[in-house]
């Protein structure tokens, strides 16, 4: 017979408090993403306010780290010990107002600010802001307005141009356009043919073959052999099998070169010259500056608001002058939330700073001498040195960049596999890739180095590496196989 009953049992499990979840969530954010989070928190929490820039630049980061080390955790909540300490801190918050204003949190009430800021920097000069040029679609619409005059043709032309991608290809079929506009496919094709004659020539084509042939027609090129290569041998041409093309067309490789030279001067993506240039601006989260013989790590907090607790609401809570209990509870909850947010920001800065310091400590030879001295490094090594969990380091290096005297790099750039030399020392995989690239650049083009040759050369340099690993690195460097490199050289007629 089934019965319902209540049992008590004691178990141990890891529970992440909301404050810990917030700290973890802040770690992988870039500065730009963090600004959005801070702005959102400012708009939602009345007890937080942004400190005016003229009130000072804040404490030095090392001083902040020393001041807060006694009441900030080593990392953003990834161990049971940290979970217990955070849970205890939450209990302290709810224990009473006297605990809320405890000395461990006095730093967050300091009007001079609780977070460090970077050195003052000049604003972006207005003359560096460029005007936006006409897009491909603007250019095509302008030509269409001078070409088509009936309303039906204008509508068809607008639909075709609207479905042309940045390279200049039509991305939907003629039947789809005809069905959506309730017109005959023949009318759509007639308009498309005229658009293909617009500048840039070939826009509106459905395939690479059609694009190249349209440009040949516009230029008046009547070379039938070249047209046949475009119509039937584009896939073979991609494989660089020039002997097969020459054999089937019954011409010599030297004659084939002349026809391929015509194709080489055609544009497979004519729309790109009118596409808006997509400039990706990288704002480094960390700056490394050399001072004497030492490298100093500086967090780039430019643009990050410096926060503090509102003195107005703090005085209200401290004086106990809130008559309505629900308002008093609300302000206490928002105070607690503001304190945890400030603490999470402090933890994030400390963790990012310490991880960056550990990376620079391992890679000083790279900063001094270049990529040949880049050391292999793993997340677990940095985690052990910093005293955090490996996943915390993974969150820190995600989407972040570091500016060094040798350039701007992603933090992930410094983490890569290690291969072993004859002496047992670790060799960076990036260093091996650079060696492969240099060997290919200096090879005899008539006798290019195969993967086996590269493996043997690296072996003579005391680098233990398998041939399949060499092949994988060569592919990652986008270097064609040796036989394709030789074919290309012979076709181009270089010596």
Protein backbone atom coordinates (compact mmCIF):
# COMPACT_ATOMS: atom_id res chain seq x y z
CA UNK A 1 0.00 0.00 0.00
CA UNK A 2 1.35 3.41 -1.02
CA UNK A 3 1.76 6.09 1.65
CA UNK A 4 2.77 9.75 1.67
CA UNK A 5 5.27 10.78 4.30
CA UNK A 6 7.78 13.53 5.03
CA UNK A 7 11.47 12.79 5.46
CA UNK A 8 14.33 15.02 6.54
CA UNK A 9 17.85 14.56 5.22
CA UNK A 10 21.00 16.63 5.18
CA UNK A 11 22.87 17.09 1.91
CA UNK A 12 25.72 19.26 0.72
CA UNK A 13 25.43 21.02 -2.64
CA UNK A 14 26.76 24.10 -4.33
CA UNK A 15 24.25 26.95 -4.59
CA UNK A 16 25.22 30.15 -6.35
CA UNK A 17 23.68 33.17 -4.70
CA UNK A 18 22.27 35.90 -7.01
CA UNK A 19 25.24 38.13 -6.20
CA UNK A 20 27.66 35.38 -7.28
CA UNK A 21 25.74 34.84 -10.48
CA UNK A 22 26.04 38.56 -11.17
CA UNK A 23 29.81 38.50 -10.57
CA UNK A 24 30.22 35.56 -12.94
CA UNK A 25 28.09 37.29 -15.55
CA UNK A 26 30.28 40.41 -15.48
CA UNK A 27 33.59 38.57 -15.99
CA UNK A 28 33.39 37.83 -19.75
CA UNK A 29 32.02 41.27 -20.65
CA UNK A 30 34.11 43.72 -22.66
CA UNK A 31 34.28 47.36 -21.62
CA UNK A 32 31.62 48.34 -24.13
CA UNK A 33 29.29 45.61 -22.90
CA UNK A 34 30.02 46.51 -19.28
CA UNK A 35 29.03 50.14 -19.95
CA UNK A 36 25.60 48.93 -21.10
CA UNK A 37 25.18 46.84 -17.94
CA UNK A 38 26.22 49.76 -15.73
CA UNK A 39 23.85 52.13 -17.52
CA UNK A 40 21.00 49.65 -17.06
CA UNK A 41 21.80 49.30 -13.35
CA UNK A 42 21.92 53.08 -12.93
CA UNK A 43 18.48 53.41 -14.50
CA UNK A 44 16.97 50.68 -12.30
CA UNK A 45 18.58 51.38 -8.92
CA UNK A 46 18.01 54.90 -7.47
CA UNK A 47 20.67 54.36 -4.80
CA UNK A 48 23.44 54.19 -7.40
CA UNK A 49 24.72 57.34 -9.02
CA UNK A 50 27.55 58.21 -11.36
CA UNK A 51 30.37 60.19 -9.87
CA UNK A 52 31.24 63.39 -11.80
CA UNK A 53 34.58 63.25 -13.60
CA UNK A 54 35.86 66.41 -11.91
CA UNK A 55 35.76 64.78 -8.48
CA UNK A 56 39.01 62.92 -9.00
CA UNK A 57 40.40 59.92 -10.79
CA UNK A 58 40.11 57.46 -7.93
CA UNK A 59 42.68 55.29 -6.24
CA UNK A 60 45.42 53.37 -7.96
CA UNK A 61 44.43 49.82 -8.77
CA UNK A 62 47.08 48.21 -6.63
CA UNK A 63 45.90 50.29 -3.67
CA UNK A 64 42.30 49.27 -4.29
CA UNK A 65 43.29 45.62 -4.44
CA UNK A 66 45.12 45.86 -1.13
CA UNK A 67 42.24 47.73 0.50
CA UNK A 68 39.55 45.30 -0.57
CA UNK A 69 41.39 41.99 -0.39
CA UNK A 70 40.07 41.33 3.10
CA UNK A 71 36.41 41.33 2.01
CA UNK A 72 36.44 40.34 -1.64
CA UNK A 73 36.69 36.77 -2.78
CA UNK A 74 39.48 35.36 -4.84
CA UNK A 75 37.21 34.78 -7.81
CA UNK A 76 33.56 35.27 -8.84
CA UNK A 77 32.02 32.33 -7.00
CA UNK A 78 33.25 29.02 -8.38
CA UNK A 79 33.97 26.99 -5.24
CA UNK A 80 31.92 25.84 -2.27
CA UNK A 81 34.12 27.85 0.10
CA UNK A 82 33.30 31.02 -1.84
CA UNK A 83 29.63 30.10 -1.96
CA UNK A 84 29.57 29.77 1.83
CA UNK A 85 31.34 33.10 2.35
CA UNK A 86 28.96 34.87 0.00
CA UNK A 87 25.93 33.29 1.69
CA UNK A 88 27.25 34.46 5.05
CA UNK A 89 27.65 37.96 3.66
CA UNK A 90 24.04 37.91 2.50
CA UNK A 91 22.91 36.93 5.97
CA UNK A 92 24.87 39.89 7.34
CA UNK A 93 22.91 42.20 5.10
CA UNK A 94 19.57 41.04 6.44
CA UNK A 95 20.66 40.88 10.06
CA UNK A 96 19.96 44.60 10.66
CA UNK A 97 20.82 48.12 9.61
CA UNK A 98 23.78 48.30 11.95
CA UNK A 99 25.35 45.41 9.98
CA UNK A 100 24.44 47.07 6.71
CA UNK A 101 26.68 49.99 7.55
CA UNK A 102 29.49 47.76 8.76
CA UNK A 103 33.10 48.82 8.36
CA UNK A 104 33.74 46.10 5.77
CA UNK A 105 31.57 48.06 3.31
CA UNK A 106 32.53 51.60 4.26
CA UNK A 107 34.60 51.99 1.13
CA UNK A 108 31.47 51.87 -1.00
CA UNK A 109 30.09 54.93 0.78
CA UNK A 110 33.16 57.01 0.17
CA UNK A 111 32.25 60.03 -1.95
CA UNK A 112 35.62 59.84 -3.64
CA UNK A 113 34.43 56.77 -5.52
CA UNK A 114 34.89 53.06 -5.12
CA UNK A 115 36.34 52.13 -8.48
CA UNK A 116 39.56 53.15 -10.15
CA UNK A 117 39.52 54.95 -13.43
CA UNK A 118 42.06 55.26 -16.17
CA UNK A 119 44.20 58.27 -16.89
CA UNK A 120 42.41 61.11 -18.63
CA UNK A 121 42.53 60.81 -22.40
CA UNK A 122 41.69 63.14 -25.23
CA UNK A 123 38.33 62.75 -26.90
CA UNK A 124 38.11 61.43 -30.45
CA UNK A 125 38.80 64.33 -32.88
CA UNK A 126 35.73 65.26 -34.87
CA UNK A 127 37.75 65.40 -38.09
CA UNK A 128 38.27 61.63 -37.80
CA UNK A 129 34.56 61.03 -38.37
CA UNK A 130 34.11 60.17 -42.05
CA UNK A 131 31.08 60.83 -44.20
CA UNK A 132 29.12 57.84 -45.46
CA UNK A 133 29.34 57.19 -49.20
CA UNK A 134 26.59 55.83 -51.44
CA UNK A 135 25.84 52.14 -51.10
CA UNK A 136 25.52 49.62 -53.93
CA UNK A 137 21.74 49.71 -53.64
CA UNK A 138 21.61 53.52 -53.70
CA UNK A 139 23.74 53.47 -56.84
CA UNK A 140 21.56 50.87 -58.56
CA UNK A 141 18.31 52.63 -57.56
CA UNK A 142 19.64 55.88 -58.97
CA UNK A 143 20.37 54.23 -62.33
CA UNK A 144 17.00 52.47 -62.30
CA UNK A 145 15.21 55.81 -61.82
CA UNK A 146 16.84 57.02 -65.05
CA UNK A 147 16.10 53.81 -66.96
CA UNK A 148 12.60 52.60 -66.07
CA UNK A 149 9.59 54.88 -66.41
CA UNK A 150 6.51 52.65 -66.16
CA UNK A 151 5.25 51.95 -62.65
CA UNK A 152 5.36 48.19 -63.22
CA UNK A 153 9.01 48.23 -64.32
CA UNK A 154 9.94 50.49 -61.41
CA UNK A 155 8.32 48.09 -58.96
CA UNK A 156 10.06 45.07 -60.51
CA UNK A 157 13.42 46.88 -60.53
CA UNK A 158 13.03 47.91 -56.89
CA UNK A 159 12.25 44.30 -55.91
CA UNK A 160 15.25 42.94 -57.81
CA UNK A 161 17.68 45.54 -56.43
CA UNK A 162 16.38 44.99 -52.91
CA UNK A 163 17.32 41.30 -53.15
CA UNK A 164 20.86 41.81 -54.47
CA UNK A 165 23.56 41.03 -51.91
CA UNK A 166 26.76 42.97 -51.25
CA UNK A 167 28.68 41.00 -53.89
CA UNK A 168 26.10 41.85 -56.56
CA UNK A 169 24.23 38.53 -56.85
CA UNK A 170 20.45 38.15 -56.89
CA UNK A 171 19.53 36.00 -53.91
CA UNK A 172 16.03 34.87 -54.93
CA UNK A 173 14.66 33.25 -58.10
CA UNK A 174 12.79 35.03 -60.87
CA UNK A 175 9.74 32.90 -60.13
CA UNK A 176 9.63 34.17 -56.53
CA UNK A 177 9.78 37.78 -57.68
CA UNK A 178 7.09 37.19 -60.32
CA UNK A 179 4.82 35.48 -57.81
CA UNK A 180 5.20 38.21 -55.18
CA UNK A 181 4.45 40.97 -57.71
CA UNK A 182 1.83 38.99 -59.71
CA UNK A 183 3.62 39.54 -63.02
CA UNK A 184 4.99 37.26 -65.72
CA UNK A 185 8.52 35.87 -65.19
CA UNK A 186 9.42 37.13 -68.68
CA UNK A 187 8.90 40.74 -67.54
CA UNK A 188 11.08 40.16 -64.49
CA UNK A 189 13.83 38.70 -66.67
CA UNK A 190 13.65 41.62 -69.09
CA UNK A 191 14.16 44.12 -66.25
CA UNK A 192 16.94 42.00 -64.72
CA UNK A 193 18.83 41.87 -68.03
CA UNK A 194 18.86 45.66 -68.16
CA UNK A 195 19.99 45.91 -64.53
CA UNK A 196 22.91 43.59 -65.35
CA UNK A 197 24.13 46.33 -67.69
CA UNK A 198 24.18 48.93 -64.91
CA UNK A 199 27.36 49.95 -63.16
CA UNK A 200 28.87 47.78 -61.74
CA UNK A 201 28.32 45.40 -64.64
CA UNK A 202 26.82 42.01 -63.81
CA UNK A 203 24.82 42.98 -60.71
CA UNK A 204 21.66 40.90 -60.56
CA UNK A 205 23.32 37.72 -61.85
CA UNK A 206 22.23 34.42 -60.38
CA UNK A 207 25.61 32.65 -60.55
CA UNK A 208 29.33 33.25 -60.97
CA UNK A 209 29.15 31.89 -64.51
CA UNK A 210 26.46 34.39 -65.46
CA UNK A 211 28.36 37.23 -63.75
CA UNK A 212 31.57 36.61 -65.71
CA UNK A 213 29.77 36.13 -69.02
CA UNK A 214 27.82 39.36 -68.52
CA UNK A 215 31.09 41.25 -68.09
CA UNK A 216 32.55 39.62 -71.19
CA UNK A 217 29.48 40.68 -73.19
CA UNK A 218 29.72 44.24 -71.88
CA UNK A 219 33.43 44.43 -72.80
CA UNK A 220 32.75 42.94 -76.23
CA UNK A 221 35.08 39.95 -75.74
CA UNK A 222 34.29 37.28 -78.33
CA UNK A 223 36.85 34.70 -77.21
CA UNK A 224 34.89 31.43 -77.48
CA UNK A 225 37.54 29.37 -75.66
CA UNK A 226 37.41 31.69 -72.66
CA UNK A 227 33.60 31.52 -72.67
CA UNK A 228 33.76 27.74 -72.75
CA UNK A 229 36.15 27.67 -69.78
CA UNK A 230 33.71 29.83 -67.82
CA UNK A 231 30.68 27.77 -68.86
CA UNK A 232 32.11 24.28 -68.31
CA UNK A 233 35.38 24.32 -66.33
CA UNK A 234 34.97 26.66 -63.35
CA UNK A 235 34.94 23.76 -60.88
CA UNK A 236 38.07 22.24 -62.45
CA UNK A 237 39.66 25.67 -62.41
CA UNK A 238 39.12 25.87 -58.64
CA UNK A 239 41.20 22.72 -58.24
CA UNK A 240 44.02 24.26 -60.34
CA UNK A 241 43.99 21.23 -62.64
CA UNK A 242 45.21 23.18 -65.66
CA UNK A 243 46.53 20.12 -67.46
CA UNK A 244 43.04 18.59 -67.60
CA UNK A 245 41.51 21.80 -68.98
CA UNK A 246 44.24 22.18 -71.59
CA UNK A 247 43.93 18.52 -72.59
CA UNK A 248 40.15 18.61 -73.02
CA UNK A 249 40.24 21.93 -74.90
CA UNK A 250 43.13 20.60 -77.05
CA UNK A 251 45.37 23.58 -76.34
CA UNK A 252 48.71 23.97 -74.61
CA UNK A 253 49.11 25.14 -71.03
CA UNK A 254 50.79 28.28 -72.39
CA UNK A 255 47.72 29.03 -74.53
CA UNK A 256 45.46 28.28 -71.57
CA UNK A 257 47.33 30.91 -69.57
CA UNK A 258 46.25 33.62 -72.04
CA UNK A 259 42.58 32.69 -71.63
CA UNK A 260 42.86 32.52 -67.87
CA UNK A 261 44.43 35.97 -67.88
CA UNK A 262 41.19 37.31 -69.37
CA UNK A 263 39.15 35.61 -66.64
CA UNK A 264 41.50 36.92 -63.98
CA UNK A 265 40.68 40.51 -65.00
CA UNK A 266 36.92 39.95 -64.62
CA UNK A 267 35.33 40.80 -61.28
CA UNK A 268 33.52 37.91 -59.53
CA UNK A 269 32.05 40.30 -56.91
CA UNK A 270 31.57 43.72 -58.54
CA UNK A 271 29.26 44.95 -55.79
CA UNK A 272 32.05 45.04 -53.22
CA UNK A 273 33.54 48.27 -54.52
CA UNK A 274 30.31 50.03 -53.54
CA UNK A 275 29.78 48.20 -50.26
CA UNK A 276 30.28 50.14 -47.07
CA UNK A 277 33.62 49.30 -45.50
CA UNK A 278 33.02 47.51 -42.22
CA UNK A 279 35.66 48.80 -39.87
CA UNK A 280 35.90 46.84 -36.65
CA UNK A 281 37.20 49.05 -33.86
CA UNK A 282 38.97 47.21 -31.08
CA UNK A 283 39.07 48.91 -27.72
CA UNK A 284 41.73 47.15 -25.61
CA UNK A 285 40.54 46.22 -22.14
CA UNK A 286 44.13 46.02 -20.86
CA UNK A 287 47.17 48.15 -21.66
CA UNK A 288 50.74 46.99 -21.09
CA UNK A 289 53.34 49.75 -20.79
CA UNK A 290 57.06 49.29 -20.33
CA UNK A 291 58.58 51.29 -17.51
CA UNK A 292 62.31 50.75 -17.34
CA UNK A 293 62.91 47.02 -17.44
CA UNK A 294 59.47 46.14 -16.13
CA UNK A 295 56.09 45.82 -17.82
CA UNK A 296 53.17 47.48 -16.08
CA UNK A 297 49.59 46.27 -16.50
CA UNK A 298 46.95 49.02 -16.68
CA UNK A 299 43.22 48.39 -16.91
CA UNK A 300 41.68 50.55 -19.61
CA UNK A 301 38.65 51.94 -17.80
CA UNK A 302 38.17 54.77 -20.27
CA UNK A 303 34.47 55.45 -20.70
CA UNK A 304 33.41 53.32 -17.74
CA UNK A 305 31.21 55.29 -15.32
CA UNK A 306 32.54 55.54 -11.77
CA UNK A 307 29.76 54.71 -9.34
CA UNK A 308 28.96 55.52 -5.74
CA UNK A 309 26.06 55.16 -3.33
CA UNK A 310 23.75 58.17 -3.29
CA UNK A 311 24.48 60.21 -0.15
CA UNK A 312 20.85 61.41 -0.11
CA UNK A 313 19.33 57.94 0.20
CA UNK A 314 22.12 56.86 2.53
CA UNK A 315 21.23 59.62 4.96
CA UNK A 316 17.55 58.69 4.77
CA UNK A 317 18.28 55.08 5.61
CA UNK A 318 20.82 55.99 8.29
CA UNK A 319 18.46 58.38 10.08
CA UNK A 320 15.53 55.95 9.98
CA UNK A 321 13.23 58.78 8.84
CA UNK A 322 11.27 56.62 6.40
CA UNK A 323 7.70 56.51 7.69
CA UNK A 324 6.31 53.92 5.30
CA UNK A 325 7.60 50.39 6.04
CA UNK A 326 7.35 49.23 2.44
CA UNK A 327 9.49 52.18 1.30
CA UNK A 328 12.06 51.39 3.98
CA UNK A 329 12.21 47.74 2.87
CA UNK A 330 12.52 48.81 -0.76
CA UNK A 331 15.42 51.16 -0.03
CA UNK A 332 17.21 48.49 2.02
CA UNK A 333 16.83 45.99 -0.81
CA UNK A 334 18.16 48.49 -3.35
CA UNK A 335 21.07 49.33 -1.04
CA UNK A 336 21.93 45.67 -0.79
CA UNK A 337 21.70 45.31 -4.55
CA UNK A 338 23.90 48.38 -5.10
CA UNK A 339 26.56 47.07 -2.70
CA UNK A 340 26.70 43.70 -4.40
CA UNK A 341 26.93 45.35 -7.81
CA UNK A 342 29.85 47.53 -6.70
CA UNK A 343 31.51 44.51 -5.14
CA UNK A 344 31.05 42.50 -8.34
CA UNK A 345 32.66 45.29 -10.36
CA UNK A 346 35.60 45.33 -7.95
CA UNK A 347 35.98 41.56 -8.16
CA UNK A 348 35.88 41.70 -11.95
CA UNK A 349 38.65 44.31 -12.06
CA UNK A 350 40.87 42.43 -9.64
CA UNK A 351 40.45 39.13 -11.48
CA UNK A 352 41.11 40.66 -14.92
CA UNK A 353 44.14 42.50 -13.55
CA UNK A 354 45.68 39.42 -11.94
CA UNK A 355 45.10 37.24 -14.99
CA UNK A 356 46.70 39.89 -17.22
CA UNK A 357 49.68 40.10 -14.87
CA UNK A 358 50.15 36.33 -15.02
CA UNK A 359 50.01 36.33 -18.83
CA UNK A 360 52.56 39.13 -19.13
CA UNK A 361 54.82 37.39 -16.62
CA UNK A 362 54.88 34.27 -18.82
CA UNK A 363 55.22 36.15 -22.13
CA UNK A 364 57.90 38.75 -21.39
CA UNK A 365 60.28 37.15 -23.90
CA UNK A 366 57.61 37.52 -26.59
CA UNK A 367 57.20 41.21 -25.77
CA UNK A 368 60.96 41.70 -25.91
CA UNK A 369 61.99 39.53 -28.87
CA UNK A 370 58.94 38.56 -30.95
CA UNK A 371 56.87 35.53 -31.92
CA UNK A 372 59.82 33.12 -31.96
CA UNK A 373 59.88 33.45 -28.17
CA UNK A 374 56.16 33.03 -27.55
CA UNK A 375 55.75 30.43 -24.81
CA UNK A 376 52.98 27.83 -24.76
CA UNK A 377 50.41 28.60 -22.10
CA UNK A 378 47.22 26.96 -20.87
CA UNK A 379 44.24 28.18 -18.87
CA UNK A 380 45.05 25.77 -16.05
CA UNK A 381 48.57 27.20 -15.62
CA UNK A 382 47.28 30.75 -15.24
CA UNK A 383 44.43 29.58 -12.99
CA UNK A 384 46.88 27.83 -10.66
CA UNK A 385 49.12 30.89 -10.49
CA UNK A 386 46.29 33.35 -9.89
CA UNK A 387 44.46 31.04 -7.51
CA UNK A 388 41.15 30.86 -9.34
CA UNK A 389 39.21 28.21 -11.19
CA UNK A 390 40.18 27.41 -14.77
CA UNK A 391 36.73 28.40 -16.02
CA UNK A 392 37.19 31.82 -14.42
CA UNK A 393 40.28 32.43 -16.55
CA UNK A 394 38.27 31.29 -19.57
CA UNK A 395 35.64 33.91 -18.80
CA UNK A 396 38.26 36.61 -18.32
CA UNK A 397 40.02 36.05 -21.65
CA UNK A 398 36.78 35.80 -23.63
CA UNK A 399 36.28 38.74 -26.03
CA UNK A 400 39.01 40.85 -24.44
CA UNK A 401 42.02 42.49 -26.07
CA UNK A 402 45.35 43.63 -24.68
CA UNK A 403 47.47 46.45 -26.07
CA UNK A 404 51.20 45.73 -25.88
CA UNK A 405 54.33 47.38 -27.31
CA UNK A 406 54.12 44.71 -30.05
CA UNK A 407 50.53 45.47 -30.99
CA UNK A 408 46.98 44.68 -29.95
CA UNK A 409 46.18 41.01 -29.37
CA UNK A 410 43.24 38.99 -28.18
CA UNK A 411 43.93 37.50 -24.76
CA UNK A 412 43.22 34.10 -26.32
CA UNK A 413 46.24 34.63 -28.56
CA UNK A 414 48.54 33.80 -25.66
CA UNK A 415 46.87 30.45 -24.92
CA UNK A 416 47.83 27.64 -27.25
CA UNK A 417 49.11 24.10 -27.34
CA UNK A 418 52.63 23.03 -26.66
CA UNK A 419 54.81 20.66 -28.67
CA UNK A 420 57.96 19.14 -27.28
CA UNK A 421 61.46 19.61 -28.62
CA UNK A 422 64.31 17.16 -28.32
CA UNK A 423 65.46 18.85 -25.13
CA UNK A 424 62.04 18.46 -23.56
CA UNK A 425 61.24 22.18 -23.71
CA UNK A 426 57.76 23.34 -24.70
CA UNK A 427 57.36 24.93 -28.13
CA UNK A 428 54.38 27.10 -29.02
CA UNK A 429 52.12 25.91 -31.82
CA UNK A 430 52.00 29.51 -33.10
CA UNK A 431 55.77 29.49 -33.35
CA UNK A 432 55.64 26.31 -35.44
CA UNK A 433 53.01 27.81 -37.74
CA UNK A 434 55.25 30.81 -38.27
CA UNK A 435 58.14 28.52 -39.14
CA UNK A 436 55.98 26.66 -41.68
CA UNK A 437 54.89 29.94 -43.26
CA UNK A 438 58.49 31.13 -43.59
CA UNK A 439 59.65 27.82 -45.05
CA UNK A 440 56.96 27.94 -47.73
CA UNK A 441 57.78 31.56 -48.56
CA UNK A 442 61.44 30.70 -49.18
CA UNK A 443 60.95 27.33 -50.94
CA UNK A 444 61.96 26.54 -54.52
CA UNK A 445 58.65 27.03 -56.42
CA UNK A 446 59.65 24.37 -58.96
CA UNK A 447 60.11 21.87 -56.13
CA UNK A 448 57.77 23.04 -53.35
CA UNK A 449 58.01 21.48 -49.93
CA UNK A 450 55.54 18.71 -49.20
CA UNK A 451 54.09 18.11 -45.74
CA UNK A 452 56.62 15.30 -45.27
CA UNK A 453 59.47 17.66 -46.23
CA UNK A 454 58.25 20.26 -43.76
CA UNK A 455 57.99 17.60 -41.07
CA UNK A 456 61.59 16.50 -41.73
CA UNK A 457 62.94 20.07 -41.64
CA UNK A 458 61.19 20.77 -38.34
CA UNK A 459 62.53 17.48 -37.01
CA UNK A 460 66.08 18.58 -37.81
CA UNK A 461 65.36 21.70 -35.72
CA UNK A 462 64.50 19.40 -32.77
CA UNK A 463 60.76 19.90 -33.11
CA UNK A 464 58.79 16.68 -32.74
CA UNK A 465 55.70 16.93 -34.93
CA UNK A 466 53.61 14.49 -36.96
CA UNK A 467 53.00 14.93 -40.68
CA UNK A 468 49.23 15.17 -40.15
CA UNK A 469 49.85 18.00 -37.67
CA UNK A 470 51.92 19.82 -40.27
CA UNK A 471 49.09 19.36 -42.77
CA UNK A 472 46.59 20.73 -40.26
CA UNK A 473 48.72 23.80 -39.53
CA UNK A 474 49.30 24.38 -43.26
CA UNK A 475 45.55 24.32 -43.87
CA UNK A 476 44.97 26.74 -41.00
CA UNK A 477 47.50 29.07 -42.65
CA UNK A 478 45.53 28.69 -45.92
CA UNK A 479 48.58 27.41 -47.77
CA UNK A 480 47.68 25.12 -50.71
CA UNK A 481 49.28 21.66 -51.05
CA UNK A 482 52.68 21.45 -52.73
CA UNK A 483 51.32 20.17 -56.08
CA UNK A 484 48.84 23.06 -56.30
CA UNK A 485 51.59 25.58 -55.50
CA UNK A 486 53.73 24.12 -58.26
CA UNK A 487 50.90 24.23 -60.82
CA UNK A 488 50.17 27.83 -59.99
CA UNK A 489 53.82 28.77 -60.38
CA UNK A 490 54.14 27.03 -63.73
CA UNK A 491 50.97 28.68 -65.04
CA UNK A 492 52.08 32.13 -63.99
CA UNK A 493 55.41 31.54 -65.71
CA UNK A 494 57.53 32.71 -62.82
CA UNK A 495 61.17 31.72 -62.53
